[in-house]
Amino acid sequence: MTDLFTPLQLGTLELPNRIWMAPLTRCRAEEGHVPGALMAEHYAQRASAGLIVAEATMVMEGHSAFWHEPGIYNDAQVAGWRLTTDAVHQAGGRIVLQLWHGGRACHPLLNGGRQPVGPSPIAITGDEVHTPEGKQPYVVPRELGDDELPGIVEGFRLAARRAMAAGFDGVEVHGANGYLLDAFLRDGSNHRSGPYGGAIEHRARLLLEVLEAVALETPLLGLRLSPLNGFNAMADSDPIALITWLAQRLNALPLAYLHLMRGDFLGQQQGDVLTPVRAHYHGLLVANMGYTAAEANAAIAAGALDAVAFGTGFLANPDLPERFRQGAPLNQADPASFYSPGPAGYTDYPTLNAIA
């Protein structure tokens, strides 16, 4: 029977298990959005994952949404990420980098006064962003012109090239959670007309152009989508139609896997997105959001999924695969340290060996 511990072939990578580490923004980058030794330690501790998907990483300067998130747009950041990829590979792991543009979730106070950009001038509501001046409301983004979008595509392509120079095994394009590519995809945030707005095939144009460009720079390309997630004030009038169309269209691209968030963080938008994707997408399907080991095993055994990505579970349990193997209890995550600086709540969660 196929289960979480059945090896999986992903492109040229042989994964020892199907327990993936989901991308987790932890705001531990150093000055200039440069990854440092602390981040390398954190990821190396989790090298037993079948695949690590490193956190959302800025593809272009001036689009920070988290203040202390990493980037991959200059040589210093490439060198900083090399600390992580070397440490993970030395520990026997495999790691890809999530490429990301924050879009309307960025804030002028994080970007030298620069106004954020988006598909339409619609601000995120109902939440605030952490800035050097405390929590602040999101601002109305500037609508990107059609003539600016090739520059966005090029930013993703160059970031993928730098990710490979930094030693990553591949990249995952972030098309989820209300950031720039997702904001173009969903009609709750994309009210534009023309070639990048309106019908699904137009709203998906930017994402598809990014994927085609990034595929030229990496041997392993993944994509993360969240058609139901209401995070960052996101919504779509017909998420099932959107993800069904995408599942079919993505078959024409050299995609190594599709990483799908199955639900809504906020619990507002309901629906089954996994079934239509499995029916129409012919590639490797990974899902996440709230899976237990038992549920993940059942989904893989039934052929509904090929792997499952765990977020909070890996955050608090660097040896999560071994804990699943033994049926051992899990450490509980400390939300107060999710985005705080330093090693507390980051590299100090105990392993089973430490407890023993």
Protein backbone atom coordinates (compact mmCIF):
# COMPACT_ATOMS: atom_id res chain seq x y z
CA MET A 1 0.00 0.00 0.00
CA THR A 2 1.21 3.49 -0.85
CA ASP A 3 1.46 5.73 2.20
CA LEU A 4 3.38 8.70 3.61
CA PHE A 5 6.60 6.67 3.74
CA THR A 6 6.51 5.37 0.18
CA PRO A 7 9.33 7.00 -1.82
CA LEU A 8 8.28 9.41 -4.56
CA GLN A 9 10.03 10.42 -7.78
CA LEU A 10 9.83 14.19 -8.37
CA GLY A 11 11.61 15.06 -11.58
CA THR A 12 15.18 13.92 -11.02
CA LEU A 13 14.75 13.97 -7.23
CA GLU A 14 14.09 10.78 -5.31
CA LEU A 15 12.07 11.73 -2.23
CA PRO A 16 12.33 9.27 0.67
CA ASN A 17 8.83 10.09 1.90
CA ARG A 18 5.72 12.08 0.99
CA ILE A 19 5.77 14.32 4.08
CA TRP A 20 6.58 17.75 2.68
CA MET A 21 7.37 20.90 4.63
CA ALA A 22 5.00 23.68 3.55
CA PRO A 23 6.37 27.21 3.05
CA LEU A 24 6.29 29.11 6.35
CA THR A 25 7.11 32.81 6.51
CA ARG A 26 9.02 33.33 9.77
CA CYS A 27 10.53 36.83 9.34
CA ARG A 28 14.07 35.80 10.38
CA ALA A 29 16.01 37.32 7.47
CA GLU A 30 18.82 39.73 8.28
CA GLU A 31 19.35 43.32 7.12
CA GLY A 32 18.63 43.78 3.43
CA HIS A 33 16.36 40.72 3.32
CA VAL A 34 19.45 38.47 3.40
CA PRO A 35 19.07 34.92 4.79
CA GLY A 36 21.63 34.09 7.46
CA ALA A 37 23.01 31.24 9.53
CA LEU A 38 19.92 31.06 11.76
CA MET A 39 17.71 30.33 8.79
CA ALA A 40 20.18 27.70 7.58
CA GLU A 41 20.01 25.97 10.95
CA HIS A 42 16.22 26.03 10.94
CA TYR A 43 15.90 24.39 7.54
CA ALA A 44 18.68 21.86 8.11
CA GLN A 45 16.89 20.69 11.27
CA ARG A 46 13.94 19.75 9.02
CA ALA A 47 15.92 17.98 6.30
CA SER A 48 14.09 14.68 6.88
CA ALA A 49 11.08 16.10 5.01
CA GLY A 50 10.47 14.49 1.66
CA LEU A 51 10.78 18.00 0.26
CA ILE A 52 11.22 21.37 1.96
CA VAL A 53 9.45 24.28 0.30
CA ALA A 54 11.28 27.31 1.65
CA GLU A 55 9.31 30.39 2.60
CA ALA A 56 7.87 33.13 0.37
CA THR A 57 10.86 35.03 -1.03
CA MET A 58 10.83 38.43 -2.72
CA VAL A 59 11.59 38.23 -6.43
CA MET A 60 11.94 42.01 -6.81
CA GLU A 61 13.23 44.81 -4.61
CA GLY A 62 10.71 47.19 -3.04
CA HIS A 63 7.84 44.77 -2.57
CA SER A 64 8.13 43.72 1.08
CA ALA A 65 4.98 42.61 2.89
CA PHE A 66 6.49 41.12 6.08
CA TRP A 67 9.34 43.49 6.96
CA HIS A 68 11.96 40.79 7.63
CA GLU A 69 11.24 38.26 4.88
CA PRO A 70 14.06 37.04 2.59
CA GLY A 71 14.73 38.08 -0.99
CA ILE A 72 16.44 36.52 -4.01
CA TYR A 73 17.03 39.60 -6.18
CA ASN A 74 20.71 40.35 -5.45
CA ASP A 75 24.06 38.63 -4.97
CA ALA A 76 24.11 39.01 -1.19
CA GLN A 77 20.80 37.16 -0.92
CA VAL A 78 22.04 34.41 -3.23
CA ALA A 79 25.08 33.97 -0.99
CA GLY A 80 22.87 33.98 2.10
CA TRP A 81 20.56 31.32 0.70
CA ARG A 82 23.59 29.21 -0.18
CA LEU A 83 24.13 28.75 3.57
CA THR A 84 20.69 27.13 3.75
CA THR A 85 20.91 24.94 0.66
CA ASP A 86 24.36 23.67 1.64
CA ALA A 87 23.18 22.89 5.18
CA VAL A 88 20.04 21.07 3.97
CA HIS A 89 21.92 19.05 1.38
CA GLN A 90 24.64 18.12 3.86
CA ALA A 91 21.88 16.85 6.16
CA GLY A 92 20.51 14.70 3.33
CA GLY A 93 17.56 16.89 2.42
CA ARG A 94 15.99 18.41 -0.66
CA ILE A 95 14.76 22.02 -0.90
CA VAL A 96 12.99 24.32 -3.36
CA LEU A 97 12.47 28.07 -3.05
CA GLN A 98 9.06 29.71 -3.18
CA LEU A 99 9.15 32.74 -5.51
CA TRP A 100 6.79 35.51 -4.47
CA HIS A 101 5.59 39.03 -5.18
CA GLY A 102 3.56 40.54 -2.32
CA GLY A 103 1.39 42.73 -4.54
CA ARG A 104 -1.24 44.69 -2.67
CA ALA A 105 -0.18 43.11 0.65
CA CYS A 106 2.94 45.29 0.63
CA HIS A 107 3.03 48.62 2.48
CA PRO A 108 4.78 51.97 1.86
CA LEU A 109 6.38 51.91 5.34
CA LEU A 110 8.18 48.68 4.39
CA ASN A 111 9.28 49.90 0.98
CA GLY A 112 10.68 53.42 1.26
CA GLY A 113 7.29 55.02 0.69
CA ARG A 114 6.54 53.08 -2.49
CA GLN A 115 2.84 52.42 -3.11
CA PRO A 116 2.00 48.72 -3.50
CA VAL A 117 0.73 47.43 -6.82
CA GLY A 118 -2.08 45.13 -7.87
CA PRO A 119 -4.43 44.21 -10.68
CA SER A 120 -6.97 46.81 -9.54
CA PRO A 121 -7.01 49.69 -7.01
CA ILE A 122 -8.69 47.62 -4.28
CA ALA A 123 -7.16 47.53 -0.79
CA ILE A 124 -7.03 44.60 1.61
CA THR A 125 -9.62 45.19 4.34
CA GLY A 126 -10.28 43.64 7.72
CA ASP A 127 -6.64 43.26 8.73
CA GLU A 128 -3.47 45.25 9.41
CA VAL A 129 0.19 44.90 8.49
CA HIS A 130 3.19 44.98 10.86
CA THR A 131 5.48 47.93 10.13
CA PRO A 132 8.33 49.79 11.90
CA GLU A 133 5.60 52.19 13.09
CA GLY A 134 3.38 49.45 14.49
CA LYS A 135 0.32 47.87 12.93
CA GLN A 136 -1.08 49.87 10.03
CA PRO A 137 -4.04 49.45 7.70
CA TYR A 138 -3.32 48.31 4.18
CA VAL A 139 -3.36 51.01 1.51
CA VAL A 140 -5.01 51.13 -1.88
CA PRO A 141 -2.62 49.64 -4.45
CA ARG A 142 -1.71 51.27 -7.72
CA GLU A 143 -3.19 49.44 -10.70
CA LEU A 144 -0.43 47.95 -12.81
CA GLY A 145 -0.47 48.86 -16.47
CA ASP A 146 -0.43 46.10 -19.04
CA ASP A 147 2.93 47.42 -20.21
CA GLU A 148 4.43 46.84 -16.73
CA LEU A 149 3.56 43.14 -16.57
CA PRO A 150 6.45 41.89 -18.74
CA GLY A 151 8.74 43.41 -16.09
CA ILE A 152 6.98 41.35 -13.40
CA VAL A 153 7.44 38.19 -15.49
CA GLU A 154 11.12 39.02 -15.96
CA GLY A 155 11.50 39.54 -12.20
CA PHE A 156 10.25 36.01 -11.55
CA ARG A 157 12.48 34.57 -14.29
CA LEU A 158 15.62 36.21 -12.92
CA ALA A 159 14.70 35.15 -9.39
CA ALA A 160 14.46 31.54 -10.56
CA ARG A 161 17.91 31.85 -12.14
CA ARG A 162 19.31 33.20 -8.88
CA ALA A 163 17.60 30.44 -6.90
CA MET A 164 19.44 27.86 -8.95
CA ALA A 165 22.70 29.77 -8.43
CA ALA A 166 21.96 29.61 -4.69
CA GLY A 167 21.85 25.81 -4.83
CA PHE A 168 18.11 25.09 -4.68
CA ASP A 169 16.78 21.89 -6.25
CA GLY A 170 13.98 23.83 -7.90
CA VAL A 171 11.41 26.56 -7.30
CA GLU A 172 7.75 26.89 -6.41
CA VAL A 173 5.82 29.85 -7.82
CA HIS A 174 3.54 31.42 -5.19
CA GLY A 175 0.13 31.81 -6.79
CA ALA A 176 -1.83 31.74 -3.53
CA ASN A 177 -3.07 33.68 -0.49
CA GLY A 178 -3.93 37.00 -2.11
CA TYR A 179 -0.46 38.01 -3.23
CA LEU A 180 0.16 39.43 -6.69
CA LEU A 181 -0.41 36.39 -8.92
CA ASP A 182 -3.43 35.22 -6.92
CA ALA A 183 -4.86 38.75 -6.92
CA PHE A 184 -4.84 38.64 -10.72
CA LEU A 185 -6.44 35.17 -10.73
CA ARG A 186 -9.50 35.88 -8.59
CA ASP A 187 -12.30 38.21 -9.61
CA GLY A 188 -12.76 39.60 -6.12
CA SER A 189 -9.49 41.52 -6.51
CA ASN A 190 -9.16 41.71 -10.31
CA HIS A 191 -11.71 44.17 -11.75
CA ARG A 192 -9.62 45.21 -14.75
CA SER A 193 -10.52 44.89 -18.40
CA GLY A 194 -8.25 44.03 -21.31
CA PRO A 195 -5.95 41.03 -21.75
CA TYR A 196 -5.36 40.50 -18.00
CA GLY A 197 -8.91 40.87 -16.66
CA GLY A 198 -12.43 39.57 -17.10
CA ALA A 199 -12.69 35.93 -18.18
CA ILE A 200 -10.71 33.25 -16.35
CA GLU A 201 -8.28 32.78 -19.23
CA HIS A 202 -7.43 36.50 -19.09
CA ARG A 203 -7.10 36.65 -15.31
CA ALA A 204 -4.76 33.62 -15.47
CA ARG A 205 -2.59 35.15 -18.19
CA LEU A 206 0.02 36.68 -15.84
CA LEU A 207 0.41 33.46 -13.84
CA LEU A 208 0.84 31.41 -17.00
CA GLU A 209 3.38 33.85 -18.42
CA VAL A 210 5.36 33.67 -15.17
CA LEU A 211 5.31 29.87 -15.18
CA GLU A 212 6.46 29.70 -18.79
CA ALA A 213 9.34 32.10 -18.07
CA VAL A 214 10.42 30.42 -14.83
CA ALA A 215 10.37 27.00 -16.47
CA LEU A 216 13.24 28.13 -18.68
CA GLU A 217 15.48 28.62 -15.63
CA THR A 218 14.88 25.59 -13.41
CA PRO A 219 14.75 21.80 -13.82
CA LEU A 220 11.96 21.52 -11.24
CA LEU A 221 8.95 23.83 -11.17
CA GLY A 222 6.06 23.72 -8.73
CA LEU A 223 3.03 25.96 -8.24
CA ARG A 224 0.98 26.76 -5.14
CA LEU A 225 -2.69 27.79 -5.45
CA SER A 226 -5.42 28.59 -2.90
CA PRO A 227 -8.73 29.02 -4.75
CA LEU A 228 -10.84 28.99 -1.56
CA ASN A 229 -8.63 30.89 0.86
CA GLY A 230 -10.08 34.19 2.10
CA PHE A 231 -6.79 35.36 3.64
CA ASN A 232 -5.86 38.92 2.57
CA ALA A 233 -9.54 39.69 1.87
CA MET A 234 -9.64 37.35 -1.12
CA ALA A 235 -12.69 35.85 -2.82
CA ASP A 236 -13.82 34.54 -6.18
CA SER A 237 -17.33 34.26 -7.55
CA ASP A 238 -16.75 30.69 -8.79
CA PRO A 239 -13.60 29.11 -7.32
CA ILE A 240 -14.49 25.62 -8.57
CA ALA A 241 -14.72 26.84 -12.16
CA LEU A 242 -11.45 28.73 -11.71
CA ILE A 243 -9.47 25.78 -10.36
CA THR A 244 -11.03 23.34 -12.85
CA TRP A 245 -9.96 25.55 -15.77
CA LEU A 246 -6.48 25.92 -14.31
CA ALA A 247 -6.13 22.18 -13.67
CA GLN A 248 -6.75 21.53 -17.35
CA ARG A 249 -4.57 24.37 -18.62
CA LEU A 250 -1.58 23.51 -16.42
CA ASN A 251 -1.16 20.17 -18.18
CA ALA A 252 0.41 22.03 -21.09
CA LEU A 253 3.23 23.36 -18.89
CA PRO A 254 6.37 21.56 -17.62
CA LEU A 255 5.09 21.54 -14.06
CA ALA A 256 6.63 19.03 -11.66
CA TYR A 257 3.82 19.36 -9.13
CA LEU A 258 0.76 21.35 -8.12
CA HIS A 259 0.56 22.32 -4.43
CA LEU A 260 -3.06 23.02 -3.50
CA MET A 261 -4.43 24.56 -0.32
CA ARG A 262 -7.66 22.67 0.16
CA GLY A 263 -9.62 25.16 2.25
CA ASP A 264 -10.07 28.65 3.63
CA PHE A 265 -8.04 29.88 6.62
CA LEU A 266 -11.08 31.96 7.60
CA GLY A 267 -13.63 29.18 7.16
CA GLN A 268 -15.92 31.33 5.03
CA GLN A 269 -15.69 29.86 1.52
CA GLN A 270 -16.54 26.18 1.29
CA GLY A 271 -16.10 23.69 -1.51
CA ASP A 272 -14.18 20.69 -2.77
CA VAL A 273 -11.27 21.80 -4.93
CA LEU A 274 -9.26 18.58 -4.71
CA THR A 275 -11.68 16.36 -6.63
CA PRO A 276 -11.85 18.45 -9.83
CA VAL A 277 -8.10 19.02 -9.79
CA ARG A 278 -7.39 15.30 -9.44
CA ALA A 279 -9.82 14.61 -12.26
CA HIS A 280 -8.32 17.12 -14.70
CA TYR A 281 -4.67 17.69 -13.72
CA HIS A 282 -2.39 14.87 -14.87
CA GLY A 283 0.65 15.70 -12.76
CA LEU A 284 1.75 15.17 -9.19
CA LEU A 285 -0.75 16.65 -6.71
CA VAL A 286 0.21 17.83 -3.22
CA ALA A 287 -2.28 19.25 -0.73
CA ASN A 288 -2.11 20.93 2.65
CA MET A 289 -4.11 22.64 5.40
CA GLY A 290 -4.89 20.80 8.60
CA TYR A 291 -4.04 17.21 7.68
CA THR A 292 -3.34 14.66 10.39
CA ALA A 293 -0.97 11.82 9.65
CA ALA A 294 -3.92 9.41 9.48
CA GLU A 295 -5.90 11.56 7.07
CA ALA A 296 -2.85 12.13 4.90
CA ASN A 297 -2.11 8.40 4.78
CA ALA A 298 -5.71 7.65 3.81
CA ALA A 299 -5.69 10.24 1.01
CA ILE A 300 -2.45 8.90 -0.43
CA ALA A 301 -3.56 5.26 -0.12
CA ALA A 302 -6.78 6.11 -1.97
CA GLY A 303 -4.85 7.80 -4.76
CA ALA A 304 -6.47 11.17 -4.07
CA LEU A 305 -3.06 12.78 -3.44
CA ASP A 306 0.59 12.04 -4.13
CA ALA A 307 1.99 13.88 -1.08
CA VAL A 308 0.87 16.13 1.77
CA ALA A 309 2.58 19.32 2.97
CA PHE A 310 2.55 20.11 6.68
CA GLY A 311 3.00 23.66 7.97
CA THR A 312 2.51 24.09 11.71
CA GLY A 313 3.44 20.47 12.28
CA PHE A 314 6.91 21.04 10.83
CA LEU A 315 7.21 24.43 12.49
CA ALA A 316 7.12 22.83 15.96
CA ASN A 317 8.52 19.39 15.10
CA PRO A 318 11.78 19.37 13.15
CA ASP A 319 11.66 15.57 13.12
CA LEU A 320 8.02 15.31 12.03
CA PRO A 321 8.48 12.26 9.75
CA GLU A 322 10.02 10.23 12.58
CA ARG A 323 7.24 11.28 14.95
CA PHE A 324 4.69 10.13 12.39
CA ARG A 325 6.57 6.86 11.93
CA GLN A 326 6.56 6.14 15.67
CA GLY A 327 3.11 7.58 16.38
CA ALA A 328 4.86 9.85 18.87
CA PRO A 329 3.21 12.96 20.38
CA LEU A 330 3.83 16.29 18.67
CA ASN A 331 5.24 19.48 20.12
CA GLN A 332 2.71 22.29 20.16
CA ALA A 333 3.60 25.43 18.22
CA ASP A 334 3.96 28.78 19.97
CA PRO A 335 2.10 31.42 17.90
CA ALA A 336 3.71 34.27 19.86
CA SER A 337 7.07 33.41 18.24
CA PHE A 338 5.89 32.82 14.68
CA TYR A 339 7.24 36.18 13.46
CA SER A 340 9.53 37.26 16.27
CA PRO A 341 13.31 37.61 15.81
CA GLY A 342 15.88 35.14 17.09
CA PRO A 343 16.02 31.40 17.77
CA ALA A 344 13.17 31.20 20.33
CA GLY A 345 10.29 29.31 18.76
CA TYR A 346 12.38 28.79 15.63
CA THR A 347 15.36 26.51 16.17
CA ASP A 348 14.73 25.41 19.77
CA TYR A 349 11.83 22.94 19.36
CA PRO A 350 13.04 19.59 20.77
CA THR A 351 13.39 16.40 18.75
CA LEU A 352 12.52 12.96 20.06
CA ASN A 353 16.21 12.29 20.63
CA ALA A 354 16.52 15.44 22.72
CA ILE A 355 13.52 14.44 24.81
CA ALA A 356 14.88 10.92 25.31
